[in-house]
Amino acid sequence: MAVVVNLKNPEEEKVLIAFLESLNYDYLTTSDVPELTHDQQQEVLLREKAFAEGKTSSRSWEEIKKELERVYS
């Protein structure tokens, strides 16, 4: 399950994080999530468009793992 909270100020963030930590909850903040560069965003959009138009297909995770093992082994 995911919950998105839009905080109004840094103090609210401190209070919320303290509360989550007191309950031993796992959470991510926007600073924990890497941001894509403009070029990376454009690449994702192009690939998504190509997939939607049927110009490319998905691959199984097993196929991807084999390719990565071949490249990085």
N, C-alpha and C. Protein backbone atom coordinates (compact mmCIF):
# COMPACT_ATOMS: atom_id res chain seq x y z
N MET A 1 0.85 -1.17 0.00
CA MET A 1 0.00 0.00 0.00
C MET A 1 0.89 1.23 0.00
N ALA A 2 0.46 2.27 -0.67
CA ALA A 2 1.20 3.53 -0.71
C ALA A 2 0.29 4.67 -0.29
N VAL A 3 0.88 5.64 0.40
CA VAL A 3 0.16 6.84 0.82
C VAL A 3 1.02 8.03 0.43
N VAL A 4 0.43 9.02 -0.20
CA VAL A 4 1.16 10.23 -0.56
C VAL A 4 0.65 11.36 0.33
N VAL A 5 1.59 12.07 0.93
CA VAL A 5 1.24 13.17 1.82
C VAL A 5 1.94 14.42 1.32
N ASN A 6 1.20 15.47 1.08
CA ASN A 6 1.77 16.76 0.68
C ASN A 6 1.83 17.66 1.92
N LEU A 7 3.03 17.85 2.39
CA LEU A 7 3.22 18.64 3.61
C LEU A 7 3.34 20.12 3.27
N LYS A 8 2.97 20.93 4.24
CA LYS A 8 2.95 22.37 4.01
C LYS A 8 4.22 23.08 4.47
N ASN A 9 4.97 22.43 5.38
CA ASN A 9 6.19 23.07 5.86
C ASN A 9 7.13 22.01 6.44
N PRO A 10 8.41 22.37 6.64
CA PRO A 10 9.40 21.41 7.14
C PRO A 10 9.06 20.86 8.53
N GLU A 11 8.38 21.65 9.34
CA GLU A 11 8.03 21.18 10.70
C GLU A 11 7.07 19.99 10.61
N GLU A 12 6.10 20.06 9.72
CA GLU A 12 5.17 18.94 9.53
C GLU A 12 5.92 17.69 9.11
N GLU A 13 6.92 17.86 8.26
CA GLU A 13 7.72 16.71 7.82
C GLU A 13 8.44 16.07 9.00
N LYS A 14 9.04 16.88 9.85
CA LYS A 14 9.74 16.36 11.03
C LYS A 14 8.79 15.58 11.94
N VAL A 15 7.59 16.11 12.15
CA VAL A 15 6.61 15.46 13.02
C VAL A 15 6.17 14.13 12.41
N LEU A 16 5.88 14.14 11.11
CA LEU A 16 5.42 12.92 10.45
C LEU A 16 6.50 11.85 10.46
N ILE A 17 7.74 12.23 10.17
CA ILE A 17 8.83 11.26 10.17
C ILE A 17 9.04 10.69 11.57
N ALA A 18 8.98 11.52 12.58
CA ALA A 18 9.12 11.03 13.96
C ALA A 18 8.02 10.04 14.29
N PHE A 19 6.80 10.34 13.85
CA PHE A 19 5.67 9.43 14.10
C PHE A 19 5.89 8.09 13.39
N LEU A 20 6.27 8.13 12.12
CA LEU A 20 6.50 6.90 11.38
C LEU A 20 7.62 6.07 11.99
N GLU A 21 8.67 6.73 12.40
CA GLU A 21 9.78 6.02 13.03
C GLU A 21 9.39 5.44 14.38
N SER A 22 8.53 6.14 15.12
CA SER A 22 8.10 5.62 16.43
C SER A 22 7.31 4.33 16.28
N LEU A 23 6.66 4.16 15.14
CA LEU A 23 5.89 2.93 14.86
C LEU A 23 6.70 1.92 14.06
N ASN A 24 7.97 2.26 13.79
CA ASN A 24 8.87 1.39 13.03
C ASN A 24 8.35 1.12 11.62
N TYR A 25 7.73 2.12 11.00
CA TYR A 25 7.22 2.00 9.63
C TYR A 25 8.34 2.28 8.63
N ASP A 26 8.30 1.61 7.51
CA ASP A 26 9.19 1.90 6.39
C ASP A 26 8.56 3.02 5.57
N TYR A 27 9.36 3.95 5.11
CA TYR A 27 8.83 5.05 4.31
C TYR A 27 9.92 5.58 3.38
N LEU A 28 9.52 6.28 2.35
CA LEU A 28 10.42 6.96 1.43
C LEU A 28 10.06 8.43 1.40
N THR A 29 11.06 9.26 1.31
CA THR A 29 10.82 10.68 1.11
C THR A 29 11.24 11.01 -0.32
N THR A 30 10.86 12.17 -0.81
CA THR A 30 11.24 12.52 -2.17
C THR A 30 12.75 12.58 -2.33
N SER A 31 13.47 12.84 -1.27
CA SER A 31 14.93 12.86 -1.36
C SER A 31 15.51 11.46 -1.48
N ASP A 32 14.72 10.41 -1.18
CA ASP A 32 15.17 9.03 -1.31
C ASP A 32 15.00 8.49 -2.71
N VAL A 33 14.21 9.17 -3.53
CA VAL A 33 13.89 8.70 -4.87
C VAL A 33 14.74 9.46 -5.87
N PRO A 34 15.56 8.73 -6.64
CA PRO A 34 16.39 9.44 -7.61
C PRO A 34 15.54 10.09 -8.70
N GLU A 35 15.92 11.27 -9.11
CA GLU A 35 15.18 11.97 -10.16
C GLU A 35 15.84 11.72 -11.50
N LEU A 36 15.03 11.60 -12.54
CA LEU A 36 15.55 11.40 -13.88
C LEU A 36 15.94 12.75 -14.49
N THR A 37 16.99 12.72 -15.29
CA THR A 37 17.36 13.93 -16.02
C THR A 37 16.34 14.14 -17.14
N HIS A 38 16.38 15.29 -17.76
CA HIS A 38 15.47 15.57 -18.88
C HIS A 38 15.65 14.54 -19.99
N ASP A 39 16.91 14.22 -20.33
CA ASP A 39 17.17 13.23 -21.38
C ASP A 39 16.63 11.85 -21.01
N GLN A 40 16.78 11.47 -19.75
CA GLN A 40 16.24 10.18 -19.30
C GLN A 40 14.72 10.16 -19.38
N GLN A 41 14.09 11.26 -19.00
CA GLN A 41 12.63 11.35 -19.10
C GLN A 41 12.17 11.19 -20.55
N GLN A 42 12.88 11.85 -21.47
CA GLN A 42 12.52 11.76 -22.88
C GLN A 42 12.70 10.34 -23.40
N GLU A 43 13.75 9.67 -22.97
CA GLU A 43 13.99 8.28 -23.37
C GLU A 43 12.86 7.37 -22.89
N VAL A 44 12.42 7.55 -21.66
CA VAL A 44 11.31 6.76 -21.13
C VAL A 44 10.05 7.00 -21.95
N LEU A 45 9.76 8.26 -22.25
CA LEU A 45 8.58 8.59 -23.04
C LEU A 45 8.64 7.99 -24.44
N LEU A 46 9.81 8.04 -25.08
CA LEU A 46 9.96 7.45 -26.41
C LEU A 46 9.75 5.94 -26.38
N ARG A 47 10.33 5.28 -25.39
CA ARG A 47 10.17 3.83 -25.28
C ARG A 47 8.72 3.45 -24.99
N GLU A 48 8.08 4.23 -24.13
CA GLU A 48 6.67 3.97 -23.80
C GLU A 48 5.79 4.13 -25.05
N LYS A 49 6.07 5.16 -25.84
CA LYS A 49 5.31 5.41 -27.07
C LYS A 49 5.53 4.27 -28.07
N ALA A 50 6.77 3.85 -28.24
CA ALA A 50 7.08 2.76 -29.17
C ALA A 50 6.37 1.48 -28.75
N PHE A 51 6.35 1.21 -27.46
CA PHE A 51 5.68 0.02 -26.95
C PHE A 51 4.17 0.11 -27.20
N ALA A 52 3.58 1.27 -26.93
CA ALA A 52 2.14 1.46 -27.12
C ALA A 52 1.76 1.32 -28.60
N GLU A 53 2.66 1.72 -29.49
CA GLU A 53 2.40 1.63 -30.93
C GLU A 53 2.73 0.26 -31.51
N GLY A 54 3.18 -0.66 -30.65
CA GLY A 54 3.49 -2.02 -31.11
C GLY A 54 4.82 -2.13 -31.84
N LYS A 55 5.68 -1.14 -31.70
CA LYS A 55 6.98 -1.16 -32.39
C LYS A 55 8.03 -1.92 -31.60
N THR A 56 7.73 -2.26 -30.38
CA THR A 56 8.64 -3.04 -29.54
C THR A 56 7.79 -3.92 -28.64
N SER A 57 8.41 -4.92 -28.07
CA SER A 57 7.65 -5.81 -27.19
C SER A 57 8.35 -5.94 -25.85
N SER A 58 7.65 -6.49 -24.90
CA SER A 58 8.24 -6.70 -23.58
C SER A 58 9.05 -8.00 -23.61
N ARG A 59 9.95 -8.12 -22.65
CA ARG A 59 10.76 -9.33 -22.53
C ARG A 59 10.57 -9.91 -21.14
N SER A 60 10.79 -11.19 -21.02
CA SER A 60 10.67 -11.82 -19.71
C SER A 60 11.86 -11.44 -18.84
N TRP A 61 11.66 -11.49 -17.54
CA TRP A 61 12.74 -11.17 -16.61
C TRP A 61 13.89 -12.15 -16.78
N GLU A 62 13.59 -13.41 -17.07
CA GLU A 62 14.64 -14.40 -17.27
C GLU A 62 15.54 -14.02 -18.45
N GLU A 63 14.94 -13.55 -19.53
CA GLU A 63 15.70 -13.12 -20.70
C GLU A 63 16.59 -11.93 -20.36
N ILE A 64 16.06 -10.99 -19.62
CA ILE A 64 16.83 -9.81 -19.22
C ILE A 64 17.99 -10.20 -18.31
N LYS A 65 17.74 -11.08 -17.35
CA LYS A 65 18.80 -11.53 -16.44
C LYS A 65 19.93 -12.21 -17.19
N LYS A 66 19.59 -13.06 -18.17
CA LYS A 66 20.62 -13.75 -18.95
C LYS A 66 21.49 -12.74 -19.69
N GLU A 67 20.86 -11.72 -20.28
CA GLU A 67 21.61 -10.70 -21.00
C GLU A 67 22.53 -9.93 -20.05
N LEU A 68 22.02 -9.56 -18.87
CA LEU A 68 22.84 -8.84 -17.90
C LEU A 68 24.00 -9.69 -17.40
N GLU A 69 23.74 -10.97 -17.17
CA GLU A 69 24.82 -11.86 -16.72
C GLU A 69 25.90 -11.99 -17.79
N ARG A 70 25.50 -12.03 -19.04
CA ARG A 70 26.44 -12.14 -20.14
C ARG A 70 27.29 -10.86 -20.22
N VAL A 71 26.68 -9.70 -20.03
CA VAL A 71 27.38 -8.43 -20.15
C VAL A 71 28.30 -8.20 -18.95
N TYR A 72 27.83 -8.52 -17.74
CA TYR A 72 28.58 -8.16 -16.52
C TYR A 72 29.35 -9.32 -15.90
N SER A 73 29.41 -10.45 -16.55
CA SER A 73 30.17 -11.58 -15.98
C SER A 73 31.54 -11.70 -16.61
